Amino acid sequence: MKINVPEPDMDFYSVPDTGPAKVIHGHIRVSQLEDVIREDNPGIVTWLRNPVDRVISNYYFSMQRIREGKAVERKSNTIAFSLPEYAALDENRNKASWFLEGIRLEELFFVGLYEEFMSDIGRLGNMLGWDGNHKVPHRKSSSSFIENNDCTTQFSDINAEMKKEIATLNSIDVALYEEALRLRNKT
């Protein structure tokens, strides 16, 4: 199967044809994998995070990348944005739903939750028949930056009103996350 996948902010790149897809990993929209899904019927795994926490984390990650000179040029103009300004940008809203557009959670092989990462890795490992010795490093690369930065919105400034505004801006992702919680509680 040969796959042409655009990385965010990059041109298309090709993966050599190596036969049926077994694993595809990355920030890839389901709609970009329609041919693979149709031809190979792979089990699709996704990870969801509380949408409000995701936006907050993405804000600090983006601000850190800008300050380190690692952000794409179009993001550089957001360097002085507050968290609410960043959250209001269309490109930062309902990201999980955007990636999963065209497929229902029930159709996925596995839906993991970021907040339950280690236990969900265990659950996924059991479903995949791993030997039980699976250790997956989980690094939070922007943790120290969140606590020590020059961002317009400091972490200590984030209040219930801001979180409510972010939730409203991400109402589709909030509904998706709540659906994932409901499905998780059924099992």
N, C-alpha and C. Protein backbone atom coordinates (compact mmCIF):
# COMPACT_ATOMS: atom_id res chain seq x y z
N MET A 1 0.87 -1.18 0.00
CA MET A 1 0.00 0.00 0.00
C MET A 1 0.90 1.23 0.00
N LYS A 2 0.67 2.11 -0.90
CA LYS A 2 1.41 3.37 -0.94
C LYS A 2 0.51 4.46 -0.40
N ILE A 3 1.04 5.27 0.48
CA ILE A 3 0.25 6.31 1.12
C ILE A 3 0.90 7.65 0.88
N ASN A 4 0.12 8.60 0.47
CA ASN A 4 0.58 9.98 0.36
C ASN A 4 -0.13 10.77 1.46
N VAL A 5 0.63 11.23 2.40
CA VAL A 5 0.05 11.90 3.56
C VAL A 5 0.68 13.27 3.73
N PRO A 6 -0.14 14.32 3.83
CA PRO A 6 0.44 15.62 4.10
C PRO A 6 0.66 15.80 5.60
N GLU A 7 1.84 16.13 5.96
CA GLU A 7 2.11 16.51 7.34
C GLU A 7 1.57 17.92 7.52
N PRO A 8 1.09 18.26 8.70
CA PRO A 8 0.66 19.64 8.90
C PRO A 8 1.79 20.59 8.54
N ASP A 9 1.48 21.59 7.77
CA ASP A 9 2.43 22.63 7.37
C ASP A 9 3.56 22.11 6.49
N MET A 10 3.36 20.95 5.84
CA MET A 10 4.38 20.41 4.95
C MET A 10 3.71 19.94 3.66
N ASP A 11 4.52 19.70 2.66
CA ASP A 11 4.02 19.14 1.42
C ASP A 11 3.70 17.66 1.62
N PHE A 12 3.04 17.07 0.61
CA PHE A 12 2.77 15.64 0.67
C PHE A 12 4.08 14.87 0.68
N TYR A 13 4.09 13.75 1.37
CA TYR A 13 5.23 12.86 1.27
C TYR A 13 4.68 11.47 1.01
N SER A 14 5.50 10.61 0.46
CA SER A 14 5.06 9.27 0.09
C SER A 14 5.71 8.23 0.97
N VAL A 15 4.96 7.20 1.24
CA VAL A 15 5.46 6.03 1.95
C VAL A 15 5.55 4.93 0.90
N PRO A 16 6.68 4.25 0.79
CA PRO A 16 6.81 3.23 -0.25
C PRO A 16 5.76 2.13 -0.09
N ASP A 17 5.41 1.53 -1.22
CA ASP A 17 4.44 0.44 -1.23
C ASP A 17 5.08 -0.80 -0.62
N THR A 18 4.59 -1.21 0.53
CA THR A 18 5.14 -2.38 1.22
C THR A 18 4.08 -3.44 1.46
N GLY A 19 2.98 -3.36 0.75
CA GLY A 19 1.89 -4.31 0.96
C GLY A 19 0.82 -3.70 1.85
N PRO A 20 -0.06 -4.54 2.37
CA PRO A 20 -1.16 -4.04 3.19
C PRO A 20 -0.66 -3.27 4.42
N ALA A 21 -1.35 -2.21 4.74
CA ALA A 21 -0.98 -1.40 5.90
C ALA A 21 -1.24 -2.19 7.17
N LYS A 22 -0.24 -2.24 8.02
CA LYS A 22 -0.38 -2.87 9.33
C LYS A 22 -0.51 -1.81 10.40
N VAL A 23 0.34 -0.79 10.30
CA VAL A 23 0.33 0.29 11.28
C VAL A 23 0.60 1.60 10.54
N ILE A 24 -0.19 2.58 10.87
CA ILE A 24 0.06 3.94 10.39
C ILE A 24 -0.03 4.81 11.63
N HIS A 25 0.95 5.64 11.83
CA HIS A 25 0.99 6.44 13.05
C HIS A 25 1.21 7.89 12.69
N GLY A 26 0.57 8.77 13.41
CA GLY A 26 0.82 10.18 13.21
C GLY A 26 -0.44 10.99 13.35
N HIS A 27 -0.30 12.27 13.17
CA HIS A 27 -1.44 13.17 13.19
C HIS A 27 -2.02 13.19 11.78
N ILE A 28 -2.83 12.20 11.51
CA ILE A 28 -3.37 11.99 10.16
C ILE A 28 -4.89 11.96 10.25
N ARG A 29 -5.52 12.70 9.36
CA ARG A 29 -6.99 12.70 9.31
C ARG A 29 -7.48 11.38 8.73
N VAL A 30 -8.57 10.88 9.28
CA VAL A 30 -9.18 9.66 8.76
C VAL A 30 -9.49 9.81 7.28
N SER A 31 -9.92 10.98 6.87
CA SER A 31 -10.26 11.19 5.46
C SER A 31 -9.04 11.01 4.54
N GLN A 32 -7.84 11.19 5.06
CA GLN A 32 -6.63 10.99 4.27
C GLN A 32 -6.29 9.51 4.12
N LEU A 33 -6.96 8.68 4.88
CA LEU A 33 -6.67 7.24 4.88
C LEU A 33 -7.80 6.42 4.28
N GLU A 34 -8.73 7.07 3.59
CA GLU A 34 -9.89 6.35 3.06
C GLU A 34 -9.51 5.16 2.22
N ASP A 35 -8.52 5.31 1.33
CA ASP A 35 -8.10 4.19 0.48
C ASP A 35 -7.53 3.05 1.31
N VAL A 36 -6.70 3.38 2.28
CA VAL A 36 -6.10 2.36 3.14
C VAL A 36 -7.18 1.64 3.93
N ILE A 37 -8.11 2.38 4.47
CA ILE A 37 -9.20 1.79 5.26
C ILE A 37 -10.03 0.87 4.38
N ARG A 38 -10.35 1.32 3.20
CA ARG A 38 -11.17 0.52 2.28
C ARG A 38 -10.44 -0.75 1.83
N GLU A 39 -9.15 -0.62 1.50
CA GLU A 39 -8.40 -1.74 0.95
C GLU A 39 -7.89 -2.72 2.00
N ASP A 40 -7.44 -2.20 3.13
CA ASP A 40 -6.77 -3.05 4.12
C ASP A 40 -7.58 -3.32 5.38
N ASN A 41 -8.64 -2.53 5.60
CA ASN A 41 -9.47 -2.66 6.79
C ASN A 41 -8.64 -2.76 8.07
N PRO A 42 -7.72 -1.81 8.30
CA PRO A 42 -6.90 -1.87 9.50
C PRO A 42 -7.70 -1.51 10.75
N GLY A 43 -7.23 -2.01 11.89
CA GLY A 43 -7.80 -1.57 13.16
C GLY A 43 -7.27 -0.18 13.45
N ILE A 44 -8.15 0.75 13.69
CA ILE A 44 -7.73 2.13 13.90
C ILE A 44 -7.73 2.43 15.39
N VAL A 45 -6.63 3.00 15.84
CA VAL A 45 -6.44 3.36 17.25
C VAL A 45 -6.34 4.88 17.32
N THR A 46 -7.01 5.46 18.29
CA THR A 46 -6.85 6.91 18.50
C THR A 46 -6.77 7.18 19.99
N TRP A 47 -6.21 8.32 20.30
CA TRP A 47 -6.12 8.80 21.68
C TRP A 47 -6.83 10.14 21.75
N LEU A 48 -7.67 10.28 22.75
CA LEU A 48 -8.38 11.54 22.97
C LEU A 48 -7.95 12.12 24.30
N ARG A 49 -8.07 13.42 24.38
CA ARG A 49 -7.75 14.14 25.62
C ARG A 49 -8.88 15.10 25.92
N ASN A 50 -9.09 15.39 27.19
CA ASN A 50 -10.07 16.40 27.56
C ASN A 50 -9.78 17.61 26.68
N PRO A 51 -10.77 18.06 25.90
CA PRO A 51 -10.52 19.13 24.93
C PRO A 51 -10.01 20.44 25.54
N VAL A 52 -10.46 20.78 26.71
CA VAL A 52 -9.99 22.01 27.35
C VAL A 52 -8.51 21.86 27.71
N ASP A 53 -8.17 20.74 28.30
CA ASP A 53 -6.76 20.49 28.66
C ASP A 53 -5.89 20.43 27.41
N ARG A 54 -6.42 19.87 26.32
CA ARG A 54 -5.66 19.79 25.07
C ARG A 54 -5.35 21.18 24.55
N VAL A 55 -6.34 22.08 24.54
CA VAL A 55 -6.11 23.43 24.02
C VAL A 55 -5.08 24.16 24.90
N ILE A 56 -5.21 24.02 26.20
CA ILE A 56 -4.25 24.67 27.10
C ILE A 56 -2.85 24.14 26.85
N SER A 57 -2.71 22.84 26.75
CA SER A 57 -1.41 22.23 26.48
C SER A 57 -0.87 22.67 25.12
N ASN A 58 -1.72 22.67 24.11
CA ASN A 58 -1.30 23.09 22.77
C ASN A 58 -0.86 24.55 22.77
N TYR A 59 -1.53 25.39 23.54
CA TYR A 59 -1.14 26.80 23.65
C TYR A 59 0.31 26.92 24.11
N TYR A 60 0.63 26.26 25.23
CA TYR A 60 1.98 26.37 25.76
C TYR A 60 3.00 25.69 24.86
N PHE A 61 2.63 24.59 24.26
CA PHE A 61 3.54 23.91 23.32
C PHE A 61 3.82 24.82 22.12
N SER A 62 2.79 25.44 21.58
CA SER A 62 2.95 26.34 20.45
C SER A 62 3.80 27.55 20.83
N MET A 63 3.52 28.14 21.99
CA MET A 63 4.30 29.29 22.43
C MET A 63 5.77 28.93 22.65
N GLN A 64 6.01 27.75 23.18
CA GLN A 64 7.38 27.29 23.37
C GLN A 64 8.08 27.13 22.02
N ARG A 65 7.42 26.50 21.06
CA ARG A 65 8.02 26.29 19.74
C ARG A 65 8.33 27.62 19.05
N ILE A 66 7.43 28.58 19.20
CA ILE A 66 7.68 29.90 18.61
C ILE A 66 8.94 30.51 19.22
N ARG A 67 9.05 30.47 20.53
CA ARG A 67 10.19 31.08 21.22
C ARG A 67 11.50 30.36 20.91
N GLU A 68 11.42 29.07 20.60
CA GLU A 68 12.62 28.31 20.27
C GLU A 68 12.96 28.39 18.78
N GLY A 69 12.13 29.11 18.02
CA GLY A 69 12.37 29.23 16.58
C GLY A 69 12.03 27.98 15.80
N LYS A 70 11.18 27.13 16.36
CA LYS A 70 10.83 25.86 15.72
C LYS A 70 9.43 25.86 15.12
N ALA A 71 8.72 26.94 15.23
CA ALA A 71 7.36 27.01 14.71
C ALA A 71 7.38 27.41 13.24
N VAL A 72 6.35 27.00 12.52
CA VAL A 72 6.22 27.44 11.14
C VAL A 72 5.95 28.94 11.14
N GLU A 73 6.31 29.58 10.08
CA GLU A 73 6.26 31.05 10.02
C GLU A 73 4.88 31.62 10.33
N ARG A 74 3.83 30.99 9.81
CA ARG A 74 2.49 31.55 10.01
C ARG A 74 2.07 31.54 11.48
N LYS A 75 2.70 30.71 12.30
CA LYS A 75 2.37 30.67 13.74
C LYS A 75 3.10 31.77 14.52
N SER A 76 4.18 32.27 13.95
CA SER A 76 5.00 33.26 14.65
C SER A 76 4.23 34.51 15.04
N ASN A 77 3.21 34.86 14.26
CA ASN A 77 2.45 36.08 14.57
C ASN A 77 1.53 35.91 15.78
N THR A 78 1.48 34.71 16.35
CA THR A 78 0.64 34.48 17.54
C THR A 78 1.44 34.55 18.83
N ILE A 79 2.69 34.97 18.77
CA ILE A 79 3.58 34.94 19.93
C ILE A 79 3.02 35.70 21.14
N ALA A 80 2.29 36.78 20.90
CA ALA A 80 1.75 37.57 22.02
C ALA A 80 0.30 37.24 22.33
N PHE A 81 -0.24 36.21 21.70
CA PHE A 81 -1.64 35.85 21.94
C PHE A 81 -1.85 35.37 23.37
N SER A 82 -2.97 35.72 23.92
CA SER A 82 -3.39 35.15 25.19
C SER A 82 -3.99 33.77 24.89
N LEU A 83 -4.19 32.99 25.92
CA LEU A 83 -4.83 31.70 25.75
C LEU A 83 -6.20 31.83 25.08
N PRO A 84 -7.07 32.75 25.54
CA PRO A 84 -8.37 32.89 24.85
C PRO A 84 -8.24 33.27 23.37
N GLU A 85 -7.28 34.12 23.04
CA GLU A 85 -7.08 34.49 21.63
C GLU A 85 -6.62 33.28 20.81
N TYR A 86 -5.69 32.53 21.37
CA TYR A 86 -5.20 31.32 20.71
C TYR A 86 -6.33 30.31 20.53
N ALA A 87 -7.10 30.11 21.58
CA ALA A 87 -8.19 29.13 21.55
C ALA A 87 -9.27 29.50 20.55
N ALA A 88 -9.45 30.77 20.28
CA ALA A 88 -10.50 31.23 19.37
C ALA A 88 -10.15 31.03 17.89
N LEU A 89 -8.87 30.81 17.59
CA LEU A 89 -8.48 30.58 16.20
C LEU A 89 -9.13 29.30 15.68
N ASP A 90 -9.71 29.35 14.50
CA ASP A 90 -10.36 28.18 13.92
C ASP A 90 -9.46 26.95 13.91
N GLU A 91 -8.19 27.15 13.61
CA GLU A 91 -7.26 26.01 13.50
C GLU A 91 -7.01 25.31 14.83
N ASN A 92 -7.39 25.95 15.93
CA ASN A 92 -7.15 25.35 17.25
C ASN A 92 -8.43 24.80 17.88
N ARG A 93 -9.50 24.82 17.14
CA ARG A 93 -10.81 24.40 17.67
C ARG A 93 -11.20 23.03 17.13
N ASN A 94 -11.75 22.20 18.01
CA ASN A 94 -12.32 20.90 17.63
C ASN A 94 -11.36 20.06 16.79
N LYS A 95 -10.11 19.99 17.23
CA LYS A 95 -9.07 19.27 16.48
C LYS A 95 -9.32 17.77 16.43
N ALA A 96 -9.74 17.16 17.52
CA ALA A 96 -9.97 15.71 17.52
C ALA A 96 -11.07 15.35 16.54
N SER A 97 -12.14 16.10 16.55
CA SER A 97 -13.24 15.85 15.62
C SER A 97 -12.79 16.05 14.18
N TRP A 98 -11.94 17.01 13.95
CA TRP A 98 -11.41 17.26 12.62
C TRP A 98 -10.60 16.06 12.13
N PHE A 99 -9.75 15.52 13.00
CA PHE A 99 -8.96 14.35 12.62
C PHE A 99 -9.83 13.12 12.39
N LEU A 100 -10.87 12.96 13.18
CA LEU A 100 -11.71 11.76 13.11
C LEU A 100 -12.94 11.91 12.24
N GLU A 101 -13.08 13.04 11.56
CA GLU A 101 -14.25 13.27 10.72
C GLU A 101 -14.41 12.13 9.71
N GLY A 102 -15.62 11.57 9.67
CA GLY A 102 -15.91 10.50 8.73
C GLY A 102 -15.94 9.11 9.35
N ILE A 103 -15.65 9.02 10.65
CA ILE A 103 -15.69 7.72 11.32
C ILE A 103 -16.28 7.91 12.72
N ARG A 104 -17.04 6.93 13.16
CA ARG A 104 -17.62 6.98 14.51
C ARG A 104 -16.68 6.26 15.48
N LEU A 105 -16.68 6.68 16.72
CA LEU A 105 -15.82 6.05 17.71
C LEU A 105 -16.06 4.54 17.79
N GLU A 106 -17.30 4.12 17.62
CA GLU A 106 -17.64 2.70 17.69
C GLU A 106 -16.95 1.89 16.60
N GLU A 107 -16.55 2.55 15.52
CA GLU A 107 -15.89 1.86 14.40
C GLU A 107 -14.40 1.67 14.63
N LEU A 108 -13.86 2.31 15.64
CA LEU A 108 -12.43 2.24 15.90
C LEU A 108 -12.08 0.98 16.69
N PHE A 109 -10.88 0.48 16.46
CA PHE A 109 -10.40 -0.69 17.18
C PHE A 109 -10.20 -0.37 18.65
N PHE A 110 -9.68 0.84 18.91
CA PHE A 110 -9.38 1.23 20.28
C PHE A 110 -9.40 2.74 20.40
N VAL A 111 -10.00 3.22 21.48
CA VAL A 111 -9.98 4.65 21.81
C VAL A 111 -9.35 4.77 23.20
N GLY A 112 -8.18 5.36 23.24
CA GLY A 112 -7.50 5.57 24.51
C GLY A 112 -7.69 6.99 24.98
N LEU A 113 -7.56 7.17 26.28
CA LEU A 113 -7.67 8.50 26.86
C LEU A 113 -6.31 8.92 27.41
N TYR A 114 -5.92 10.11 27.06
CA TYR A 114 -4.65 10.65 27.53
C TYR A 114 -4.56 10.61 29.06
N GLU A 115 -5.66 10.92 29.69
CA GLU A 115 -5.68 10.97 31.16
C GLU A 115 -5.50 9.58 31.78
N GLU A 116 -5.69 8.54 31.00
CA GLU A 116 -5.55 7.16 31.47
C GLU A 116 -4.47 6.45 30.65
N PHE A 117 -3.46 7.19 30.24
CA PHE A 117 -2.49 6.69 29.27
C PHE A 117 -1.88 5.35 29.66
N MET A 118 -1.32 5.24 30.84
CA MET A 118 -0.62 4.00 31.21
C MET A 118 -1.59 2.82 31.30
N SER A 119 -2.74 3.00 31.91
CA SER A 119 -3.68 1.87 31.98
C SER A 119 -4.24 1.54 30.61
N ASP A 120 -4.44 2.55 29.78
CA ASP A 120 -4.96 2.29 28.43
C ASP A 120 -3.91 1.63 27.54
N ILE A 121 -2.63 1.93 27.75
CA ILE A 121 -1.58 1.20 27.03
C ILE A 121 -1.67 -0.28 27.40
N GLY A 122 -1.90 -0.55 28.67
CA GLY A 122 -2.07 -1.95 29.11
C GLY A 122 -3.26 -2.61 28.46
N ARG A 123 -4.38 -1.88 28.40
CA ARG A 123 -5.59 -2.42 27.74
C ARG A 123 -5.33 -2.69 26.27
N LEU A 124 -4.69 -1.73 25.60
CA LEU A 124 -4.38 -1.90 24.19
C LEU A 124 -3.42 -3.07 24.00
N GLY A 125 -2.42 -3.16 24.85
CA GLY A 125 -1.48 -4.28 24.78
C GLY A 125 -2.17 -5.62 24.91
N ASN A 126 -3.13 -5.71 25.83
CA ASN A 126 -3.89 -6.96 25.98
C ASN A 126 -4.68 -7.27 24.71
N MET A 127 -5.29 -6.25 24.12
CA MET A 127 -6.07 -6.46 22.89
C MET A 127 -5.19 -6.90 21.73
N LEU A 128 -3.93 -6.46 21.74
CA LEU A 128 -3.00 -6.79 20.66
C LEU A 128 -2.15 -8.02 20.96
N GLY A 129 -2.35 -8.58 22.15
CA GLY A 129 -1.61 -9.79 22.51
C GLY A 129 -0.16 -9.54 22.87
N TRP A 130 0.15 -8.34 23.35
CA TRP A 130 1.52 -8.07 23.78
C TRP A 130 1.85 -8.95 24.98
N ASP A 131 3.11 -9.19 25.22
CA ASP A 131 3.52 -10.11 26.28
C ASP A 131 3.42 -9.56 27.69
N GLY A 132 3.01 -8.35 27.86
CA GLY A 132 2.87 -7.77 29.19
C GLY A 132 4.08 -6.98 29.63
N ASN A 133 5.15 -7.06 28.88
CA ASN A 133 6.37 -6.31 29.21
C ASN A 133 6.47 -5.04 28.39
N HIS A 134 5.34 -4.52 27.95
CA HIS A 134 5.36 -3.33 27.12
C HIS A 134 5.50 -2.08 27.99
N LYS A 135 6.57 -1.37 27.72
CA LYS A 135 6.79 -0.10 28.42
C LYS A 135 6.84 0.97 27.35
N VAL A 136 5.98 1.92 27.50
CA VAL A 136 5.92 3.00 26.53
C VAL A 136 6.27 4.28 27.25
N PRO A 137 7.38 4.90 26.85
CA PRO A 137 7.73 6.16 27.51
C PRO A 137 6.69 7.23 27.19
N HIS A 138 6.37 8.00 28.16
CA HIS A 138 5.38 9.07 27.98
C HIS A 138 6.01 10.34 28.51
N ARG A 139 6.47 11.16 27.59
CA ARG A 139 7.21 12.36 27.95
C ARG A 139 6.31 13.57 27.77
N LYS A 140 6.29 14.41 28.76
CA LYS A 140 5.56 15.68 28.66
C LYS A 140 6.60 16.76 28.40
N SER A 141 6.79 17.08 27.14
CA SER A 141 7.91 17.93 26.75
C SER A 141 7.77 19.39 27.15
N SER A 142 6.57 19.86 27.40
CA SER A 142 6.44 21.29 27.69
C SER A 142 6.12 21.58 29.16
N SER A 143 6.23 20.57 30.01
CA SER A 143 5.87 20.75 31.42
C SER A 143 6.63 21.87 32.09
N SER A 144 7.95 21.92 31.93
CA SER A 144 8.72 22.96 32.60
C SER A 144 8.43 24.33 31.99
N PHE A 145 8.16 24.37 30.69
CA PHE A 145 7.84 25.64 30.04
C PHE A 145 6.53 26.21 30.58
N ILE A 146 5.56 25.35 30.83
CA ILE A 146 4.26 25.82 31.35
C ILE A 146 4.45 26.57 32.66
N GLU A 147 5.38 26.10 33.47
CA GLU A 147 5.61 26.69 34.78
C GLU A 147 6.52 27.91 34.75
N ASN A 148 7.32 28.06 33.70
CA ASN A 148 8.31 29.12 33.66
C ASN A 148 8.39 29.68 32.24
N ASN A 149 7.62 30.74 31.97
CA ASN A 149 7.57 31.29 30.61
C ASN A 149 7.21 32.77 30.64
N ASP A 150 7.23 33.37 29.47
CA ASP A 150 6.86 34.78 29.34
C ASP A 150 5.57 34.94 28.52
N CYS A 151 4.73 33.92 28.54
CA CYS A 151 3.48 33.96 27.76
C CYS A 151 2.51 35.00 28.31
N THR A 152 1.67 35.48 27.43
CA THR A 152 0.66 36.47 27.83
C THR A 152 -0.25 35.90 28.91
N THR A 153 -0.62 34.62 28.77
CA THR A 153 -1.43 33.95 29.80
C THR A 153 -0.54 33.00 30.57
N GLN A 154 -0.37 33.28 31.84
CA GLN A 154 0.37 32.38 32.72
C GLN A 154 -0.57 31.25 33.16
N PHE A 155 -0.01 30.10 33.44
CA PHE A 155 -0.82 28.95 33.83
C PHE A 155 -1.68 29.29 35.05
N SER A 156 -1.13 30.05 35.96
CA SER A 156 -1.87 30.42 37.18
C SER A 156 -3.03 31.37 36.88
N ASP A 157 -3.03 31.99 35.70
CA ASP A 157 -4.11 32.90 35.30
C ASP A 157 -5.35 32.17 34.79
N ILE A 158 -5.20 30.89 34.46
CA ILE A 158 -6.31 30.14 33.86
C ILE A 158 -7.37 29.90 34.92
N ASN A 159 -8.57 30.37 34.65
CA ASN A 159 -9.65 30.25 35.62
C ASN A 159 -10.84 29.50 35.01
N ALA A 160 -11.87 29.31 35.79
CA ALA A 160 -13.05 28.57 35.35
C ALA A 160 -13.72 29.23 34.15
N GLU A 161 -13.75 30.55 34.13
CA GLU A 161 -14.37 31.27 33.02
C GLU A 161 -13.62 31.00 31.70
N MET A 162 -12.29 31.03 31.76
CA MET A 162 -11.48 30.74 30.56
C MET A 162 -11.73 29.31 30.08
N LYS A 163 -11.76 28.39 31.03
CA LYS A 163 -11.99 26.99 30.68
C LYS A 163 -13.37 26.79 30.06
N LYS A 164 -14.35 27.50 30.58
CA LYS A 164 -15.70 27.41 30.03
C LYS A 164 -15.73 27.95 28.60
N GLU A 165 -15.03 29.05 28.36
CA GLU A 165 -14.95 29.63 27.02
C GLU A 165 -14.28 28.64 26.05
N ILE A 166 -13.20 28.01 26.49
CA ILE A 166 -12.51 27.03 25.66
C ILE A 166 -13.43 25.85 25.36
N ALA A 167 -14.17 25.39 26.37
CA ALA A 167 -15.10 24.28 26.16
C ALA A 167 -16.18 24.66 25.14
N THR A 168 -16.68 25.87 25.22
CA THR A 168 -17.69 26.34 24.27
C THR A 168 -17.13 26.37 22.86
N LEU A 169 -15.91 26.86 22.72
CA LEU A 169 -15.26 26.92 21.41
C LEU A 169 -14.99 25.53 20.84
N ASN A 170 -14.93 24.53 21.70
CA ASN A 170 -14.63 23.17 21.31
C ASN A 170 -15.78 22.22 21.63
N SER A 171 -16.99 22.71 21.46
CA SER A 171 -18.16 21.93 21.85
C SER A 171 -18.28 20.59 21.11
N ILE A 172 -17.83 20.54 19.88
CA ILE A 172 -17.89 19.28 19.12
C ILE A 172 -16.92 18.27 19.72
N ASP A 173 -15.72 18.73 20.08
CA ASP A 173 -14.75 17.84 20.73
C ASP A 173 -15.21 17.44 22.13
N VAL A 174 -15.86 18.35 22.83
CA VAL A 174 -16.39 18.01 24.16
C VAL A 174 -17.40 16.87 24.02
N ALA A 175 -18.28 16.96 23.05
CA ALA A 175 -19.27 15.90 22.81
C ALA A 175 -18.58 14.59 22.43
N LEU A 176 -17.55 14.66 21.60
CA LEU A 176 -16.80 13.47 21.21
C LEU A 176 -16.12 12.83 22.42
N TYR A 177 -15.52 13.65 23.26
CA TYR A 177 -14.85 13.15 24.45
C TYR A 177 -15.85 12.51 25.41
N GLU A 178 -17.00 13.15 25.58
CA GLU A 178 -18.04 12.58 26.44
C GLU A 178 -18.54 11.25 25.88
N GLU A 179 -18.63 11.14 24.56
CA GLU A 179 -19.01 9.87 23.94
C GLU A 179 -17.95 8.81 24.21
N ALA A 180 -16.69 9.18 24.15
CA ALA A 180 -15.61 8.23 24.45
C ALA A 180 -15.72 7.75 25.90
N LEU A 181 -16.03 8.65 26.81
CA LEU A 181 -16.22 8.27 28.21
C LEU A 181 -17.40 7.31 28.37
N ARG A 182 -18.50 7.59 27.66
CA ARG A 182 -19.67 6.70 27.72
C ARG A 182 -19.32 5.30 27.19
N LEU A 183 -18.65 5.25 26.06
CA LEU A 183 -18.25 3.95 25.50
C LEU A 183 -17.31 3.22 26.42
N ARG A 184 -16.41 3.95 27.04
CA ARG A 184 -15.44 3.34 27.97
C ARG A 184 -16.18 2.72 29.17
N ASN A 185 -17.20 3.40 29.65
CA ASN A 185 -17.93 2.92 30.82
C ASN A 185 -18.81 1.70 30.49
N LYS A 186 -19.08 1.49 29.19
CA LYS A 186 -19.87 0.31 28.78
C LYS A 186 -19.04 -0.96 28.84
N THR A 187 -17.71 -0.83 28.70
CA THR A 187 -16.86 -2.03 28.65
C THR A 187 -16.42 -2.47 30.02
